[in-house]
Amino acid sequence: MAIKDFFRFGSKKKQKRSYEGAKTSRFLADFVQQTRSADDEIRFSLRQLRDRTRELYRNNEYAKRFVNLMVTNIVGNQGMVLQNRSKDANNELDFVANSIIESRWKEWSKVGNCTTDKKFSFHDALKMVVQSLFVDGEVLIQLVKDKSNRYLFALKFIDIDLLDEEKNEVLPNGNTIRMGVELEKDTDRPVAYHLFEYNPYDYFIGTPKSKQTIRVPADNILHIYFMERPNQTRGVPPMSATIKNFKMLHGYLEAELIASRIHASSMGFITSPSGDEYVGDVAPENEYTQQMKIEAGTFQQLPAGYDIKTFSPEHPTSAFDTFVKSILRQIASGLNISYHSLANDLTQVNYSSIRQGELEQREYFKTMQKFIIDHFCKPVFADWLKMAMTSNEMNLPMGKYEKFNQPNFQPKGFPWIDPLKEIQANIQGLKNGIVSVTDIASNYGKDAETLFEQIQADKKLAERFGLDYMFEPFGMALKDNDKIQTPEDSDGD
């Protein structure tokens, strides 16, 4: 075989082994055949994507539920509870210092201290961060040295519309501005944010005042978003991939609802072979179509030659429920949550299916909780602690800042749907040494220290009222013949 034939045949074999998905055919003709950077893809779509997801959140039931599910399961009713973990020279927890820091943080977290507008608590701020992330795709927060509160520190939420996505240029010092974010030349680290002086989309009092931007250093700004590709400067709403299905499903449901209402309301039409006008019992003024009132148990006589044509559109169709569920499953998959949670539909779930769905969904919620803790809670705490120590509110030496800056934020827990089985499994895990009290407490949104404090407080409270505290969870070990009674063991008495 000649060398040229070898390369010719080798080329064919190589082509045959290539990816099917990369081949060109009429079935794949609508794929975008263009390579673009992350910022280039976002640049001309960001404003429209954000406007559409906001509209969905305002007016679409399922989109509203999705965002509310995120807020409820990531933040919960207690938020992220601080348990500081600073240690002394013996590597033991410094309970005194930690107690001081936790109590001061709790005080600062109340309404009136946390934000510059005095309207938010830290729990409210957490909910706003999560809501903005899943509606707008990004959150902008300024860390302000606020002299109006005793800790000299507060948060200022900045509407993401103020970050000018149309400002893109290369500066003389080599820095680049990408969609309002100024990046350092060699590191691509954000060094400043170019914000509108006034909201250019606020028409509440006439025309917006100005579209001039001001440069705000990045040192005191938290820009939180989900980065899906390297070198991505701005965030996109997580609902972006589901916008089309959300909108089309909403329109379909509206059309079916209208058709069903017509079906329930309209009975038929009166026809005449000569086309002469027929006046029924009622002839409203300024109406071209004559109507006839029909009451239950009555008969109406029509003039000679007139006939009634019934009108009975079949809506909703028999496939309505199946079709809607299919679309909602697609949407739920795109949002990383289960169908039964998004649709609020538990009609076809059993213990095994809901358990599998909840396990996967809860891992996603836990991932999002860690994201919020890493990108919001810990940076805020670090700046708060620095300012609080500077203000002498805690009487802790500034030279030991790094020692005291050891926050552990305990997020919302996820107790299981069958408490008896869960508790029995926890007991077996503790006996066999494969789980700890800390592991179990974290599933309920607590930590071991808080749990022990609560148990101790309950015992002291019982003693105060002269009651016998019969539960000793950390007392004597069970004997071999002892058995924890379960509902199955009960005789029903």
Protein backbone atom coordinates (compact mmCIF):
# COMPACT_ATOMS: atom_id res chain seq x y z
CA MET A 1 0.00 0.00 0.00
CA ALA A 2 1.37 3.39 -0.98
CA ILE A 3 1.99 5.95 1.73
CA LYS A 4 -0.58 8.28 0.22
CA ASP A 5 -3.19 5.48 0.34
CA PHE A 6 -2.34 4.79 3.99
CA PHE A 7 -2.99 8.39 4.98
CA ARG A 8 -6.10 8.46 2.81
CA PHE A 9 -7.61 5.36 4.43
CA GLY A 10 -6.43 6.44 7.89
CA SER A 11 -8.19 9.73 7.42
CA LYS A 12 -11.44 7.95 6.58
CA LYS A 13 -11.20 5.72 9.64
CA LYS A 14 -10.53 8.73 11.82
CA GLN A 15 -13.53 10.52 10.35
CA LYS A 16 -15.71 7.49 10.98
CA ARG A 17 -14.74 7.45 14.66
CA SER A 18 -15.55 11.17 15.17
CA TYR A 19 -18.42 12.44 17.32
CA GLU A 20 -21.86 11.96 15.80
CA GLY A 21 -23.06 15.09 17.55
CA ALA A 22 -20.51 17.19 15.64
CA LYS A 23 -21.65 16.09 12.18
CA THR A 24 -23.70 18.36 9.96
CA SER A 25 -27.14 17.28 8.83
CA ARG A 26 -30.56 18.76 8.31
CA PHE A 27 -31.58 17.42 11.72
CA LEU A 28 -28.85 19.46 13.46
CA ALA A 29 -29.00 22.54 11.26
CA ASP A 30 -30.54 24.74 13.95
CA PHE A 31 -27.57 24.31 16.31
CA VAL A 32 -25.54 27.48 16.86
CA GLN A 33 -22.31 26.92 14.91
CA GLN A 34 -20.25 29.60 16.63
CA THR A 35 -17.72 29.69 19.46
CA ARG A 36 -18.08 32.67 21.78
CA SER A 37 -16.70 33.65 25.17
CA ALA A 38 -18.90 33.54 28.25
CA ASP A 39 -19.13 37.33 28.43
CA ASP A 40 -19.89 37.65 24.72
CA GLU A 41 -22.80 35.22 25.09
CA ILE A 42 -24.16 37.10 28.10
CA ARG A 43 -23.60 40.66 26.90
CA PHE A 44 -26.53 41.05 24.50
CA SER A 45 -28.92 38.74 26.36
CA LEU A 46 -28.54 39.76 30.00
CA ARG A 47 -31.06 42.59 30.09
CA GLN A 48 -33.78 40.63 28.29
CA LEU A 49 -33.20 37.48 30.33
CA ARG A 50 -33.48 39.41 33.57
CA ASP A 51 -36.62 41.25 32.44
CA ARG A 52 -38.28 37.98 31.45
CA THR A 53 -37.44 36.12 34.65
CA ARG A 54 -38.75 39.05 36.66
CA GLU A 55 -41.98 38.98 34.69
CA LEU A 56 -42.27 35.23 35.28
CA TYR A 57 -41.72 35.72 39.01
CA ARG A 58 -44.45 38.37 39.11
CA ASN A 59 -47.09 36.58 37.04
CA ASN A 60 -46.28 32.87 36.64
CA GLU A 61 -47.48 30.57 39.41
CA TYR A 62 -44.84 27.89 38.95
CA ALA A 63 -41.96 30.36 38.61
CA LYS A 64 -43.11 32.07 41.80
CA ARG A 65 -43.24 28.71 43.58
CA PHE A 66 -39.74 27.81 42.41
CA VAL A 67 -38.22 30.97 43.87
CA ASN A 68 -40.20 30.55 47.10
CA LEU A 69 -38.97 26.95 47.36
CA MET A 70 -35.39 28.18 47.09
CA VAL A 71 -35.89 30.79 49.81
CA THR A 72 -37.72 28.38 52.12
CA ASN A 73 -35.27 25.48 51.76
CA ILE A 74 -32.02 27.45 51.65
CA VAL A 75 -32.78 30.06 54.32
CA GLY A 76 -35.69 28.60 56.29
CA ASN A 77 -37.33 30.25 59.27
CA GLN A 78 -34.11 30.59 61.29
CA GLY A 79 -31.62 31.57 58.62
CA MET A 80 -27.92 30.83 59.07
CA VAL A 81 -27.18 30.61 62.79
CA LEU A 82 -23.69 31.68 63.86
CA GLN A 83 -21.63 29.35 66.06
CA ASN A 84 -18.18 30.85 66.37
CA ARG A 85 -15.28 28.39 66.73
CA SER A 86 -12.31 30.41 67.97
CA LYS A 87 -9.90 28.38 70.11
CA ASP A 88 -7.42 29.24 72.86
CA ALA A 89 -3.72 28.29 73.10
CA ASN A 90 -4.62 24.77 74.25
CA ASN A 91 -6.69 24.22 71.09
CA GLU A 92 -9.85 24.24 73.20
CA LEU A 93 -12.89 26.28 72.27
CA ASP A 94 -12.78 29.76 73.77
CA PHE A 95 -16.32 29.70 75.14
CA VAL A 96 -16.14 33.18 76.67
CA ALA A 97 -14.99 34.94 73.49
CA ASN A 98 -17.30 32.89 71.29
CA SER A 99 -20.26 33.71 73.52
CA ILE A 100 -19.50 37.44 73.33
CA ILE A 101 -19.14 37.38 69.55
CA GLU A 102 -22.33 35.35 69.06
CA SER A 103 -24.41 37.61 71.31
CA ARG A 104 -23.14 40.78 69.60
CA TRP A 105 -23.75 39.28 66.15
CA LYS A 106 -27.29 38.38 67.20
CA GLU A 107 -27.89 41.96 68.31
CA TRP A 108 -26.47 43.44 65.10
CA SER A 109 -28.62 41.05 63.03
CA LYS A 110 -31.85 42.64 64.25
CA VAL A 111 -33.96 45.04 62.20
CA GLY A 112 -32.52 48.54 62.43
CA ASN A 113 -28.86 47.56 62.63
CA CYS A 114 -28.19 45.25 59.73
CA THR A 115 -28.79 47.49 56.68
CA THR A 116 -28.31 51.17 55.97
CA ASP A 117 -32.03 51.67 55.30
CA LYS A 118 -32.87 50.17 58.75
CA LYS A 119 -35.52 47.93 57.15
CA PHE A 120 -33.82 44.53 57.08
CA SER A 121 -32.71 41.98 59.61
CA PHE A 122 -29.90 39.61 58.67
CA HIS A 123 -32.53 36.93 58.10
CA ASP A 124 -34.32 39.30 55.69
CA ALA A 125 -31.00 39.99 53.97
CA LEU A 126 -30.45 36.26 53.46
CA LYS A 127 -33.87 35.91 51.85
CA MET A 128 -33.19 38.89 49.58
CA VAL A 129 -29.86 37.41 48.48
CA VAL A 130 -31.45 34.06 47.56
CA GLN A 131 -34.44 35.65 45.85
CA SER A 132 -32.26 38.00 43.80
CA LEU A 133 -29.92 35.16 42.82
CA PHE A 134 -32.72 33.02 41.43
CA VAL A 135 -34.66 35.87 39.79
CA ASP A 136 -31.97 38.32 38.61
CA GLY A 137 -29.05 35.89 38.53
CA GLU A 138 -26.76 38.12 40.60
CA VAL A 139 -26.68 40.25 43.75
CA LEU A 140 -24.75 43.44 44.47
CA ILE A 141 -24.14 44.47 48.09
CA GLN A 142 -22.02 47.27 49.45
CA LEU A 143 -20.33 46.83 52.85
CA VAL A 144 -20.71 50.23 54.48
CA LYS A 145 -18.93 51.78 57.45
CA ASP A 146 -22.10 53.09 59.06
CA LYS A 147 -21.73 55.42 62.02
CA SER A 148 -25.46 55.29 62.74
CA ASN A 149 -25.18 51.97 64.62
CA ARG A 150 -22.91 51.01 67.48
CA TYR A 151 -21.02 48.43 65.42
CA LEU A 152 -20.15 50.98 62.69
CA PHE A 153 -21.11 48.51 59.99
CA ALA A 154 -24.15 47.86 57.76
CA LEU A 155 -25.15 46.36 54.42
CA LYS A 156 -26.49 48.29 51.46
CA PHE A 157 -28.30 46.34 48.74
CA ILE A 158 -27.74 47.81 45.28
CA ASP A 159 -30.24 47.17 42.51
CA ILE A 160 -28.37 45.18 39.86
CA ASP A 161 -29.88 47.51 37.22
CA LEU A 162 -27.40 50.13 38.43
CA LEU A 163 -24.47 48.06 37.16
CA ASP A 164 -24.04 49.29 33.58
CA GLU A 165 -23.91 46.21 31.36
CA GLU A 166 -23.34 48.43 28.32
CA LYS A 167 -20.09 49.89 29.65
CA ASN A 168 -17.30 47.95 27.92
CA GLU A 169 -13.86 49.40 27.22
CA VAL A 170 -10.11 49.01 27.65
CA LEU A 171 -8.58 51.56 30.02
CA PRO A 172 -5.16 53.23 29.54
CA ASN A 173 -3.68 51.27 32.47
CA GLY A 174 -4.55 47.98 30.76
CA ASN A 175 -7.60 47.20 32.89
CA THR A 176 -10.76 46.23 31.04
CA ILE A 177 -14.36 47.09 31.84
CA ARG A 178 -16.74 44.24 31.01
CA MET A 179 -20.44 44.97 31.45
CA GLY A 180 -19.69 47.53 34.15
CA VAL A 181 -17.11 45.44 36.05
CA GLU A 182 -13.53 46.70 35.93
CA LEU A 183 -11.01 43.83 35.87
CA GLU A 184 -7.31 43.99 36.67
CA LYS A 185 -5.04 43.54 33.66
CA ASP A 186 -3.14 40.37 34.57
CA THR A 187 -5.36 38.67 37.16
CA ASP A 188 -8.90 39.46 35.92
CA ARG A 189 -9.68 40.31 39.54
CA PRO A 190 -12.55 42.81 39.96
CA VAL A 191 -11.09 46.11 41.13
CA ALA A 192 -14.10 48.40 40.68
CA TYR A 193 -17.75 48.53 39.69
CA HIS A 194 -19.14 51.25 37.45
CA LEU A 195 -22.60 52.09 38.77
CA PHE A 196 -25.21 54.51 37.51
CA GLU A 197 -25.59 57.49 39.79
CA TYR A 198 -29.37 57.11 39.46
CA ASN A 199 -31.45 54.16 38.32
CA PRO A 200 -31.85 54.70 34.55
CA TYR A 201 -35.07 52.66 34.56
CA ASP A 202 -36.84 54.52 37.36
CA TYR A 203 -39.68 56.56 35.83
CA PHE A 204 -41.60 56.98 39.07
CA ILE A 205 -40.95 60.72 39.16
CA GLY A 206 -40.54 61.76 35.55
CA THR A 207 -37.49 61.04 33.43
CA PRO A 208 -34.42 59.55 35.18
CA LYS A 209 -32.02 62.26 36.27
CA SER A 210 -28.79 61.00 34.70
CA LYS A 211 -27.05 58.09 33.05
CA GLN A 212 -23.63 59.04 34.38
CA THR A 213 -21.71 56.29 36.14
CA ILE A 214 -19.51 56.44 39.22
CA ARG A 215 -16.55 54.18 39.95
CA VAL A 216 -16.90 52.24 43.22
CA PRO A 217 -13.83 50.24 44.43
CA ALA A 218 -14.44 46.51 44.66
CA ASP A 219 -12.94 46.21 48.16
CA ASN A 220 -16.31 46.98 49.76
CA ILE A 221 -18.57 45.28 47.21
CA LEU A 222 -19.98 41.74 47.21
CA HIS A 223 -20.94 40.63 43.71
CA ILE A 224 -22.57 37.23 44.09
CA TYR A 225 -23.54 35.07 41.12
CA PHE A 226 -23.25 31.52 39.81
CA MET A 227 -20.19 31.17 37.59
CA GLU A 228 -20.89 28.62 34.87
CA ARG A 229 -17.73 29.21 32.80
CA PRO A 230 -14.23 30.51 33.57
CA ASN A 231 -13.76 34.25 33.06
CA GLN A 232 -17.49 34.89 33.35
CA THR A 233 -17.98 38.44 34.63
CA ARG A 234 -21.76 38.64 35.14
CA GLY A 235 -24.41 36.18 36.30
CA VAL A 236 -27.48 34.98 34.42
CA PRO A 237 -30.80 33.93 36.00
CA PRO A 238 -30.99 30.17 36.74
CA MET A 239 -34.46 30.15 35.14
CA SER A 240 -33.00 31.11 31.75
CA ALA A 241 -33.14 27.59 30.29
CA THR A 242 -36.81 27.24 31.28
CA ILE A 243 -38.15 30.65 30.22
CA LYS A 244 -39.64 29.37 26.97
CA ASN A 245 -41.41 26.40 28.56
CA PHE A 246 -42.66 28.55 31.44
CA LYS A 247 -44.16 31.07 29.03
CA MET A 248 -45.64 28.53 26.62
CA LEU A 249 -47.17 26.46 29.42
CA HIS A 250 -48.70 29.54 30.98
CA GLY A 251 -50.26 30.50 27.64
CA TYR A 252 -51.55 26.96 27.13
CA LEU A 253 -53.14 26.86 30.58
CA GLU A 254 -54.75 30.24 29.96
CA ALA A 255 -56.16 29.07 26.61
CA GLU A 256 -57.52 25.85 28.15
CA LEU A 257 -59.09 27.80 30.99
CA ILE A 258 -60.84 30.18 28.60
CA ALA A 259 -61.99 27.30 26.37
CA SER A 260 -63.33 25.43 29.40
CA ARG A 261 -65.18 28.52 30.57
CA ILE A 262 -66.76 28.91 27.13
CA HIS A 263 -67.68 25.25 27.19
CA ALA A 264 -69.41 25.66 30.56
CA SER A 265 -71.15 28.91 29.62
CA SER A 266 -72.30 28.58 25.99
CA MET A 267 -75.18 26.29 25.01
CA GLY A 268 -75.74 27.00 21.32
CA PHE A 269 -76.85 29.35 18.58
CA ILE A 270 -80.26 30.12 17.06
CA THR A 271 -80.32 29.83 13.28
CA SER A 272 -82.88 30.93 10.70
CA PRO A 273 -83.14 29.71 7.10
CA SER A 274 -84.10 33.19 5.87
CA GLY A 275 -81.57 35.00 8.03
CA ASP A 276 -84.29 37.19 9.57
CA GLU A 277 -83.47 38.73 12.89
CA TYR A 278 -84.84 36.91 15.90
CA VAL A 279 -85.43 38.88 19.08
CA GLY A 280 -85.40 36.75 22.22
CA ASP A 281 -86.67 37.57 25.66
CA VAL A 282 -84.00 40.22 26.15
CA ALA A 283 -82.56 42.55 23.53
CA PRO A 284 -79.83 44.61 25.21
CA GLU A 285 -79.11 47.99 23.71
CA ASN A 286 -75.97 48.43 21.60
CA GLU A 287 -75.52 44.64 21.21
CA TYR A 288 -75.60 43.02 17.80
CA THR A 289 -76.11 39.45 18.99
CA GLN A 290 -79.57 38.74 20.38
CA GLN A 291 -79.75 36.54 23.44
CA MET A 292 -82.41 34.41 25.08
CA LYS A 293 -82.48 33.69 28.80
CA ILE A 294 -82.82 30.03 29.76
CA GLU A 295 -83.97 29.08 33.23
CA ALA A 296 -84.03 25.62 34.79
CA GLY A 297 -87.19 23.58 34.04
CA THR A 298 -88.49 25.85 31.26
CA PHE A 299 -89.19 25.36 27.56
CA GLN A 300 -89.06 28.02 24.90
CA GLN A 301 -91.05 28.07 21.66
CA LEU A 302 -89.21 29.28 18.58
CA PRO A 303 -90.86 30.84 15.50
CA ALA A 304 -91.41 28.61 12.47
CA GLY A 305 -88.23 27.79 10.61
CA TYR A 306 -85.87 28.61 13.48
CA ASP A 307 -83.54 26.00 14.89
CA ILE A 308 -80.98 25.67 17.72
CA LYS A 309 -77.44 24.51 17.00
CA THR A 310 -75.67 23.27 20.10
CA PHE A 311 -72.13 24.40 20.84
CA SER A 312 -70.04 22.02 22.92
CA PRO A 313 -66.24 22.40 22.65
CA GLU A 314 -64.47 19.55 24.41
CA HIS A 315 -62.21 21.24 26.93
CA PRO A 316 -60.11 20.45 28.73
CA THR A 317 -59.02 17.52 26.59
CA SER A 318 -58.46 14.06 28.05
CA ALA A 319 -54.69 14.45 27.57
CA PHE A 320 -54.58 17.79 29.40
CA ASP A 321 -53.28 16.48 32.73
CA THR A 322 -50.64 14.20 31.20
CA PHE A 323 -49.37 16.94 28.90
CA VAL A 324 -49.07 19.54 31.67
CA LYS A 325 -47.21 17.07 33.90
CA SER A 326 -44.78 16.29 31.08
CA ILE A 327 -43.92 19.96 30.55
CA LEU A 328 -43.59 20.58 34.29
CA ARG A 329 -41.19 17.65 34.58
CA GLN A 330 -39.00 19.23 31.91
CA ILE A 331 -39.08 22.56 33.73
CA ALA A 332 -38.32 20.90 37.08
CA SER A 333 -35.33 19.12 35.56
CA GLY A 334 -33.97 22.41 34.25
CA LEU A 335 -34.34 23.95 37.73
CA ASN A 336 -32.72 21.00 39.58
CA ILE A 337 -35.77 20.33 41.74
CA SER A 338 -38.30 17.51 41.81
CA TYR A 339 -41.58 17.61 39.90
CA HIS A 340 -43.73 17.01 42.98
CA SER A 341 -42.18 20.03 44.70
CA LEU A 342 -42.58 22.37 41.75
CA ALA A 343 -46.11 21.24 40.90
CA ASN A 344 -47.14 20.77 44.55
CA ASP A 345 -48.46 17.39 43.43
CA LEU A 346 -48.18 14.33 45.70
CA THR A 347 -50.93 12.28 44.06
CA GLN A 348 -48.68 9.62 42.52
CA VAL A 349 -45.77 9.42 44.95
CA ASN A 350 -45.00 6.60 47.35
CA TYR A 351 -42.46 6.36 50.15
CA SER A 352 -39.65 5.07 47.92
CA SER A 353 -40.15 7.55 45.10
CA ILE A 354 -40.50 10.61 47.33
CA ARG A 355 -37.48 9.49 49.36
CA GLN A 356 -35.29 9.21 46.28
CA GLY A 357 -36.53 12.54 44.94
CA GLU A 358 -36.07 14.31 48.26
CA LEU A 359 -32.55 12.96 48.79
CA GLU A 360 -31.32 14.34 45.48
CA GLN A 361 -33.20 17.60 45.91
CA ARG A 362 -31.89 18.14 49.42
CA GLU A 363 -28.32 17.69 48.25
CA TYR A 364 -28.96 20.54 45.83
CA PHE A 365 -30.39 22.69 48.63
CA LYS A 366 -27.36 21.91 50.82
CA THR A 367 -25.04 22.86 47.96
CA MET A 368 -26.83 26.19 47.65
CA GLN A 369 -26.66 26.71 51.41
CA LYS A 370 -22.89 26.30 51.34
CA PHE A 371 -22.69 28.71 48.41
CA ILE A 372 -24.59 31.38 50.38
CA ILE A 373 -22.45 30.80 53.48
CA ASP A 374 -19.16 31.03 51.54
CA HIS A 375 -20.07 33.98 49.33
CA PHE A 376 -22.26 36.05 51.66
CA CYS A 377 -22.29 35.05 55.34
CA LYS A 378 -18.56 34.63 55.91
CA PRO A 379 -17.41 37.78 54.03
CA VAL A 380 -20.04 39.85 55.84
CA PHE A 381 -19.04 38.39 59.22
CA ALA A 382 -15.34 39.08 58.56
CA ASP A 383 -15.96 42.79 57.89
CA TRP A 384 -18.51 43.08 60.71
CA LEU A 385 -16.11 41.54 63.23
CA LYS A 386 -13.33 43.88 62.21
CA MET A 387 -15.52 46.96 62.62
CA ALA A 388 -17.13 45.66 65.83
CA MET A 389 -13.72 45.07 67.40
CA THR A 390 -12.60 48.51 66.25
CA SER A 391 -15.63 50.08 67.91
CA ASN A 392 -14.70 48.44 71.24
CA GLU A 393 -18.17 46.93 71.54
CA MET A 394 -16.78 43.50 72.39
CA ASN A 395 -13.69 44.32 74.45
CA LEU A 396 -11.59 41.85 72.45
CA PRO A 397 -8.00 42.64 71.41
CA MET A 398 -7.70 43.64 67.76
CA GLY A 399 -4.39 41.85 67.53
CA LYS A 400 -6.21 38.51 67.81
CA TYR A 401 -8.65 39.21 64.98
CA GLU A 402 -7.62 36.11 63.03
CA LYS A 403 -8.16 33.94 66.10
CA PHE A 404 -11.71 35.24 66.61
CA ASN A 405 -12.62 35.18 62.91
CA GLN A 406 -13.65 31.52 62.93
CA PRO A 407 -17.35 31.52 62.04
CA ASN A 408 -19.43 28.41 61.54
CA PHE A 409 -22.87 29.12 60.11
CA GLN A 410 -25.43 26.39 60.73
CA PRO A 411 -28.04 26.37 57.95
CA LYS A 412 -31.55 25.01 57.95
CA GLY A 413 -31.78 21.26 58.57
CA PHE A 414 -33.81 18.65 56.74
CA PRO A 415 -35.51 16.16 59.08
CA TRP A 416 -36.79 13.09 57.30
CA ILE A 417 -40.43 12.36 56.44
CA ASP A 418 -40.56 9.29 58.70
CA PRO A 419 -39.25 10.48 62.11
CA LEU A 420 -39.45 7.05 63.79
CA LYS A 421 -37.26 5.33 61.21
CA GLU A 422 -34.87 8.25 61.20
CA ILE A 423 -34.44 8.27 64.98
CA GLN A 424 -33.93 4.50 65.09
CA ALA A 425 -31.29 4.78 62.37
CA ASN A 426 -29.56 7.57 64.32
CA ILE A 427 -29.49 5.44 67.48
CA GLN A 428 -27.94 2.54 65.61
CA GLY A 429 -25.41 4.88 64.01
CA LEU A 430 -24.40 6.28 67.40
CA LYS A 431 -24.06 2.79 68.90
CA ASN A 432 -21.86 1.62 66.05
CA GLY A 433 -19.77 4.78 65.98
CA ILE A 434 -20.49 5.68 62.36
CA VAL A 435 -22.22 9.02 63.16
CA SER A 436 -21.78 11.60 65.91
CA VAL A 437 -24.17 13.83 67.81
CA THR A 438 -22.84 16.71 65.72
CA ASP A 439 -23.81 14.89 62.51
CA ILE A 440 -27.33 14.22 63.77
CA ALA A 441 -27.83 17.72 65.17
CA SER A 442 -26.79 19.29 61.86
CA ASN A 443 -29.61 17.45 60.10
CA TYR A 444 -32.02 19.39 62.31
CA GLY A 445 -30.36 22.74 61.73
CA LYS A 446 -28.48 22.75 65.06
CA ASP A 447 -25.01 22.02 66.34
CA ALA A 448 -24.00 19.82 69.27
CA GLU A 449 -23.16 22.76 71.54
CA THR A 450 -26.60 24.31 71.09
CA LEU A 451 -28.25 20.92 71.58
CA PHE A 452 -26.41 20.28 74.87
CA GLU A 453 -27.24 23.78 76.10
CA GLN A 454 -30.92 23.24 75.39
CA ILE A 455 -30.99 19.88 77.17
CA GLN A 456 -29.20 21.34 80.18
CA ALA A 457 -31.59 24.31 80.24
CA ASP A 458 -34.60 21.95 80.11
CA LYS A 459 -33.27 19.96 83.10
CA LYS A 460 -32.71 23.11 85.14
CA LEU A 461 -36.16 24.40 84.24
CA ALA A 462 -37.72 21.11 85.36
CA GLU A 463 -35.84 21.29 88.68
CA ARG A 464 -37.05 24.84 89.20
CA PHE A 465 -40.66 23.69 89.00
CA GLY A 466 -40.04 20.56 91.08
CA LEU A 467 -40.49 18.13 88.16
CA ASP A 468 -38.63 14.90 87.60
CA TYR A 469 -36.74 14.95 84.31
CA MET A 470 -37.24 11.35 83.18
CA PHE A 471 -35.24 11.59 79.96
CA GLU A 472 -31.48 11.06 80.23
CA PRO A 473 -30.26 10.95 76.62
CA PHE A 474 -26.59 10.91 77.68
CA GLY A 475 -27.02 8.92 80.91
CA MET A 476 -26.44 5.23 81.58
CA ALA A 477 -26.13 2.95 78.55
CA LEU A 478 -28.99 0.58 77.85
CA LYS A 479 -28.63 -2.93 79.12
CA ASP A 480 -28.51 -5.76 76.65
CA ASN A 481 -32.08 -6.81 77.42
CA ASP A 482 -33.42 -3.26 77.28
CA LYS A 483 -35.37 -2.34 74.20
CA ILE A 484 -36.64 0.97 72.90
CA GLN A 485 -40.39 0.63 72.49
CA THR A 486 -41.80 1.53 69.10
CA PRO A 487 -45.43 1.88 68.00
CA GLU A 488 -45.20 -1.69 66.58
CA ASP A 489 -44.33 -2.99 70.09
CA SER A 490 -47.29 -1.31 71.76
CA ASP A 491 -50.32 -3.40 72.72
CA GLY A 492 -52.64 -0.56 71.89
CA ASP A 493 -53.48 0.42 75.49
